[in-house]
Amino acid sequence: MLRVLLALLLVLPLGASAARKPTPRIVKVLPHLLDLQGRHTINPSLFDRDSYQAELREHPERRGGMRFDVHWKNRPGASAALTLKLEMRGSAAPIQAPVVITTRAFSRGGFSQWTRVRLSDEDYARLGELVSWRVTLWRDGELLAEQRSFLW
């Protein structure tokens, strides 16, 4: 009897997870300030990147824009064009009218993708200091995935 219960406990979670259909998801969103040359870091190490981002936050006169790096993943076997929508609220943009940027995101099946979204000079000026953001992934008007900052 104990062996049967143990076997059921081991088999049921696998069967339940296999029945679920994997959906596209947003893994990570990295907002980066850019310097006047368009760089978000000077050296490739993560420590140097974080240090340079802190320096750009302290010195607004050295900033030249902003970029979001979005890491997302599609379901295995699916290869389709999706729409990535980035909404941002800032110190200069009113809460009722966030700055919105949409871009096409192309999938290569079940592999993860990085999509870079750079703010235009006009959007960056309209935004001011970034307060909150939300990134959504769409296909044919259907919301597939969402990730947002704490203050959204």
C-alpha atoms as a PDB file:
ATOM      1  CA  MET A   1       0.000   0.000   0.000  1.00  0.00           C
ATOM      2  CA  LEU A   2       2.816   2.387   0.898  1.00  0.00           C
ATOM      3  CA  ARG A   3       4.575   1.633  -2.380  1.00  0.00           C
ATOM      4  CA  VAL A   4       1.417   2.439  -4.348  1.00  0.00           C
ATOM      5  CA  LEU A   5       1.000   5.793  -2.582  1.00  0.00           C
ATOM      6  CA  LEU A   6       4.645   6.662  -3.112  1.00  0.00           C
ATOM      7  CA  ALA A   7       4.397   5.757  -6.795  1.00  0.00           C
ATOM      8  CA  LEU A   8       1.301   7.956  -7.181  1.00  0.00           C
ATOM      9  CA  LEU A   9       3.016  10.888  -5.528  1.00  0.00           C
ATOM     10  CA  LEU A  10       5.939  10.576  -7.899  1.00  0.00           C
ATOM     11  CA  VAL A  11       3.823  10.151 -11.036  1.00  0.00           C
ATOM     12  CA  LEU A  12       1.063  12.723 -10.459  1.00  0.00           C
ATOM     13  CA  PRO A  13       3.188  15.883 -10.500  1.00  0.00           C
ATOM     14  CA  LEU A  14       4.832  14.770 -13.728  1.00  0.00           C
ATOM     15  CA  GLY A  15       1.500  14.032 -15.357  1.00  0.00           C
ATOM     16  CA  ALA A  16       0.032  17.367 -14.224  1.00  0.00           C
ATOM     17  CA  SER A  17       2.981  19.362 -15.555  1.00  0.00           C
ATOM     18  CA  ALA A  18       2.972  17.463 -18.840  1.00  0.00           C
ATOM     19  CA  ALA A  19      -0.705  18.299 -19.355  1.00  0.00           C
ATOM     20  CA  ARG A  20      -0.085  22.046 -19.051  1.00  0.00           C
ATOM     21  CA  LYS A  21       0.581  23.816 -22.310  1.00  0.00           C
ATOM     22  CA  PRO A  22       3.634  26.082 -21.960  1.00  0.00           C
ATOM     23  CA  THR A  23       2.938  29.705 -22.781  1.00  0.00           C
ATOM     24  CA  PRO A  24       5.289  32.497 -23.799  1.00  0.00           C
ATOM     25  CA  ARG A  25       6.752  34.378 -20.863  1.00  0.00           C
ATOM     26  CA  ILE A  26       8.911  37.360 -20.070  1.00  0.00           C
ATOM     27  CA  VAL A  27      11.931  36.240 -18.096  1.00  0.00           C
ATOM     28  CA  LYS A  28      13.717  39.500 -17.302  1.00  0.00           C
ATOM     29  CA  VAL A  29      13.554  43.221 -18.067  1.00  0.00           C
ATOM     30  CA  LEU A  30      16.676  45.384 -17.732  1.00  0.00           C
ATOM     31  CA  PRO A  31      16.269  49.159 -18.059  1.00  0.00           C
ATOM     32  CA  HIS A  32      19.607  50.802 -18.935  1.00  0.00           C
ATOM     33  CA  LEU A  33      20.594  54.434 -19.085  1.00  0.00           C
ATOM     34  CA  LEU A  34      22.817  55.252 -22.066  1.00  0.00           C
ATOM     35  CA  ASP A  35      25.674  57.716 -22.165  1.00  0.00           C
ATOM     36  CA  LEU A  36      26.192  60.321 -24.897  1.00  0.00           C
ATOM     37  CA  GLN A  37      27.921  57.685 -27.067  1.00  0.00           C
ATOM     38  CA  GLY A  38      24.989  55.242 -26.700  1.00  0.00           C
ATOM     39  CA  ARG A  39      26.775  52.843 -24.325  1.00  0.00           C
ATOM     40  CA  HIS A  40      25.215  51.309 -21.210  1.00  0.00           C
ATOM     41  CA  THR A  41      28.570  50.083 -19.897  1.00  0.00           C
ATOM     42  CA  ILE A  42      32.229  50.590 -20.652  1.00  0.00           C
ATOM     43  CA  ASN A  43      33.467  47.075 -19.814  1.00  0.00           C
ATOM     44  CA  PRO A  44      31.659  43.750 -20.286  1.00  0.00           C
ATOM     45  CA  SER A  45      31.553  42.717 -16.610  1.00  0.00           C
ATOM     46  CA  LEU A  46      28.305  42.984 -14.659  1.00  0.00           C
ATOM     47  CA  PHE A  47      30.032  44.813 -11.810  1.00  0.00           C
ATOM     48  CA  ASP A  48      31.303  47.481 -14.209  1.00  0.00           C
ATOM     49  CA  ARG A  49      27.879  47.764 -15.824  1.00  0.00           C
ATOM     50  CA  ASP A  50      26.167  48.334 -12.476  1.00  0.00           C
ATOM     51  CA  SER A  51      28.842  50.831 -11.443  1.00  0.00           C
ATOM     52  CA  TYR A  52      28.488  52.751 -14.706  1.00  0.00           C
ATOM     53  CA  GLN A  53      24.680  52.778 -14.385  1.00  0.00           C
ATOM     54  CA  ALA A  54      25.012  54.257 -10.884  1.00  0.00           C
ATOM     55  CA  GLU A  55      27.364  56.911 -12.276  1.00  0.00           C
ATOM     56  CA  LEU A  56      24.866  57.804 -15.031  1.00  0.00           C
ATOM     57  CA  ARG A  57      22.037  58.045 -12.467  1.00  0.00           C
ATOM     58  CA  GLU A  58      24.097  60.505 -10.405  1.00  0.00           C
ATOM     59  CA  HIS A  59      25.124  62.633 -13.406  1.00  0.00           C
ATOM     60  CA  PRO A  60      22.145  63.385 -15.699  1.00  0.00           C
ATOM     61  CA  GLU A  61      24.296  65.601 -17.917  1.00  0.00           C
ATOM     62  CA  ARG A  62      26.213  62.484 -19.074  1.00  0.00           C
ATOM     63  CA  ARG A  63      23.053  60.672 -20.221  1.00  0.00           C
ATOM     64  CA  GLY A  64      22.135  60.341 -23.855  1.00  0.00           C
ATOM     65  CA  GLY A  65      19.052  58.137 -23.664  1.00  0.00           C
ATOM     66  CA  MET A  66      17.596  54.910 -22.388  1.00  0.00           C
ATOM     67  CA  ARG A  67      17.243  51.312 -23.553  1.00  0.00           C
ATOM     68  CA  PHE A  68      15.314  48.306 -22.274  1.00  0.00           C
ATOM     69  CA  ASP A  69      16.694  44.786 -22.758  1.00  0.00           C
ATOM     70  CA  VAL A  70      13.824  42.284 -22.580  1.00  0.00           C
ATOM     71  CA  HIS A  71      14.556  38.572 -22.154  1.00  0.00           C
ATOM     72  CA  TRP A  72      11.577  36.451 -23.183  1.00  0.00           C
ATOM     73  CA  LYS A  73      10.816  32.891 -24.155  1.00  0.00           C
ATOM     74  CA  ASN A  74       8.262  31.356 -26.499  1.00  0.00           C
ATOM     75  CA  ARG A  75       6.758  27.880 -26.252  1.00  0.00           C
ATOM     76  CA  PRO A  76       8.671  25.038 -27.922  1.00  0.00           C
ATOM     77  CA  GLY A  77       7.923  24.576 -31.597  1.00  0.00           C
ATOM     78  CA  ALA A  78       6.242  27.962 -31.987  1.00  0.00           C
ATOM     79  CA  SER A  79       7.800  30.384 -34.412  1.00  0.00           C
ATOM     80  CA  ALA A  80       5.756  33.493 -34.942  1.00  0.00           C
ATOM     81  CA  ALA A  81       6.041  37.244 -34.877  1.00  0.00           C
ATOM     82  CA  LEU A  82       4.867  38.674 -31.579  1.00  0.00           C
ATOM     83  CA  THR A  83       4.374  42.264 -30.475  1.00  0.00           C
ATOM     84  CA  LEU A  84       6.349  43.581 -27.522  1.00  0.00           C
ATOM     85  CA  LYS A  85       4.755  46.586 -25.849  1.00  0.00           C
ATOM     86  CA  LEU A  86       6.715  48.762 -23.417  1.00  0.00           C
ATOM     87  CA  GLU A  87       4.825  51.265 -21.256  1.00  0.00           C
ATOM     88  CA  MET A  88       6.715  53.716 -19.049  1.00  0.00           C
ATOM     89  CA  ARG A  89       5.744  56.304 -16.467  1.00  0.00           C
ATOM     90  CA  GLY A  90       8.190  59.038 -15.649  1.00  0.00           C
ATOM     91  CA  SER A  91       8.562  62.301 -13.799  1.00  0.00           C
ATOM     92  CA  ALA A  92       7.629  64.327 -16.892  1.00  0.00           C
ATOM     93  CA  ALA A  93       4.934  61.991 -18.282  1.00  0.00           C
ATOM     94  CA  PRO A  94       1.500  62.097 -16.613  1.00  0.00           C
ATOM     95  CA  ILE A  95       0.229  58.880 -15.036  1.00  0.00           C
ATOM     96  CA  GLN A  96      -2.811  58.839 -17.330  1.00  0.00           C
ATOM     97  CA  ALA A  97      -0.652  58.969 -20.468  1.00  0.00           C
ATOM     98  CA  PRO A  98       2.420  56.718 -20.152  1.00  0.00           C
ATOM     99  CA  VAL A  99       5.038  56.684 -22.891  1.00  0.00           C
ATOM    100  CA  VAL A 100       4.294  53.611 -25.042  1.00  0.00           C
ATOM    101  CA  ILE A 101       6.619  51.884 -27.507  1.00  0.00           C
ATOM    102  CA  THR A 102       5.638  48.814 -29.510  1.00  0.00           C
ATOM    103  CA  THR A 103       8.000  46.662 -31.527  1.00  0.00           C
ATOM    104  CA  ARG A 104       7.914  43.329 -33.336  1.00  0.00           C
ATOM    105  CA  ALA A 105       9.581  40.428 -31.545  1.00  0.00           C
ATOM    106  CA  PHE A 106      10.455  37.398 -33.629  1.00  0.00           C
ATOM    107  CA  SER A 107      10.645  33.960 -32.064  1.00  0.00           C
ATOM    108  CA  ARG A 108      12.819  31.005 -32.999  1.00  0.00           C
ATOM    109  CA  GLY A 109      10.744  28.378 -31.241  1.00  0.00           C
ATOM    110  CA  GLY A 110      11.387  27.346 -27.647  1.00  0.00           C
ATOM    111  CA  PHE A 111      14.626  29.253 -27.305  1.00  0.00           C
ATOM    112  CA  SER A 112      14.878  32.394 -25.246  1.00  0.00           C
ATOM    113  CA  GLN A 113      15.272  35.731 -27.019  1.00  0.00           C
ATOM    114  CA  TRP A 114      16.616  39.146 -26.115  1.00  0.00           C
ATOM    115  CA  THR A 115      14.847  42.131 -27.649  1.00  0.00           C
ATOM    116  CA  ARG A 116      16.335  45.591 -27.262  1.00  0.00           C
ATOM    117  CA  VAL A 117      13.994  48.564 -27.210  1.00  0.00           C
ATOM    118  CA  ARG A 118      15.689  51.956 -27.430  1.00  0.00           C
ATOM    119  CA  LEU A 119      13.765  55.099 -26.599  1.00  0.00           C
ATOM    120  CA  SER A 120      13.858  57.811 -29.224  1.00  0.00           C
ATOM    121  CA  ASP A 121      15.145  61.221 -28.178  1.00  0.00           C
ATOM    122  CA  GLU A 122      11.576  62.585 -28.141  1.00  0.00           C
ATOM    123  CA  ASP A 123      10.283  59.722 -25.979  1.00  0.00           C
ATOM    124  CA  TYR A 124      13.221  60.073 -23.581  1.00  0.00           C
ATOM    125  CA  ALA A 125      12.566  63.825 -23.230  1.00  0.00           C
ATOM    126  CA  ARG A 126       8.836  63.210 -22.679  1.00  0.00           C
ATOM    127  CA  LEU A 127       9.547  60.579 -20.007  1.00  0.00           C
ATOM    128  CA  GLY A 128      11.898  62.424 -17.677  1.00  0.00           C
ATOM    129  CA  GLU A 129      13.166  60.243 -14.811  1.00  0.00           C
ATOM    130  CA  LEU A 130      11.826  56.695 -15.091  1.00  0.00           C
ATOM    131  CA  VAL A 131       9.383  55.880 -12.273  1.00  0.00           C
ATOM    132  CA  SER A 132       7.768  52.602 -13.387  1.00  0.00           C
ATOM    133  CA  TRP A 133       7.408  50.341 -16.424  1.00  0.00           C
ATOM    134  CA  ARG A 134       5.401  47.438 -17.778  1.00  0.00           C
ATOM    135  CA  VAL A 135       6.359  45.077 -20.615  1.00  0.00           C
ATOM    136  CA  THR A 136       3.727  42.922 -22.316  1.00  0.00           C
ATOM    137  CA  LEU A 137       3.921  40.310 -25.059  1.00  0.00           C
ATOM    138  CA  TRP A 138       0.993  40.097 -27.533  1.00  0.00           C
ATOM    139  CA  ARG A 139      -0.094  37.926 -30.445  1.00  0.00           C
ATOM    140  CA  ASP A 140      -3.083  39.007 -32.573  1.00  0.00           C
ATOM    141  CA  GLY A 141      -4.517  41.199 -29.822  1.00  0.00           C
ATOM    142  CA  GLU A 142      -4.199  38.499 -27.143  1.00  0.00           C
ATOM    143  CA  LEU A 143      -2.071  39.195 -24.053  1.00  0.00           C
ATOM    144  CA  LEU A 144       0.427  36.342 -23.632  1.00  0.00           C
ATOM    145  CA  ALA A 145       2.828  37.552 -20.935  1.00  0.00           C
ATOM    146  CA  GLU A 146       3.436  40.524 -18.690  1.00  0.00           C
ATOM    147  CA  GLN A 147       6.128  41.780 -16.351  1.00  0.00           C
ATOM    148  CA  ARG A 148       6.051  45.093 -14.513  1.00  0.00           C
ATOM    149  CA  SER A 149       8.064  47.082 -12.066  1.00  0.00           C
ATOM    150  CA  PHE A 150       7.066  47.292  -8.423  1.00  0.00           C
ATOM    151  CA  LEU A 151       5.540  50.778  -8.710  1.00  0.00           C
ATOM    152  CA  TRP A 152       3.406  50.059 -11.776  1.00  0.00           C
END
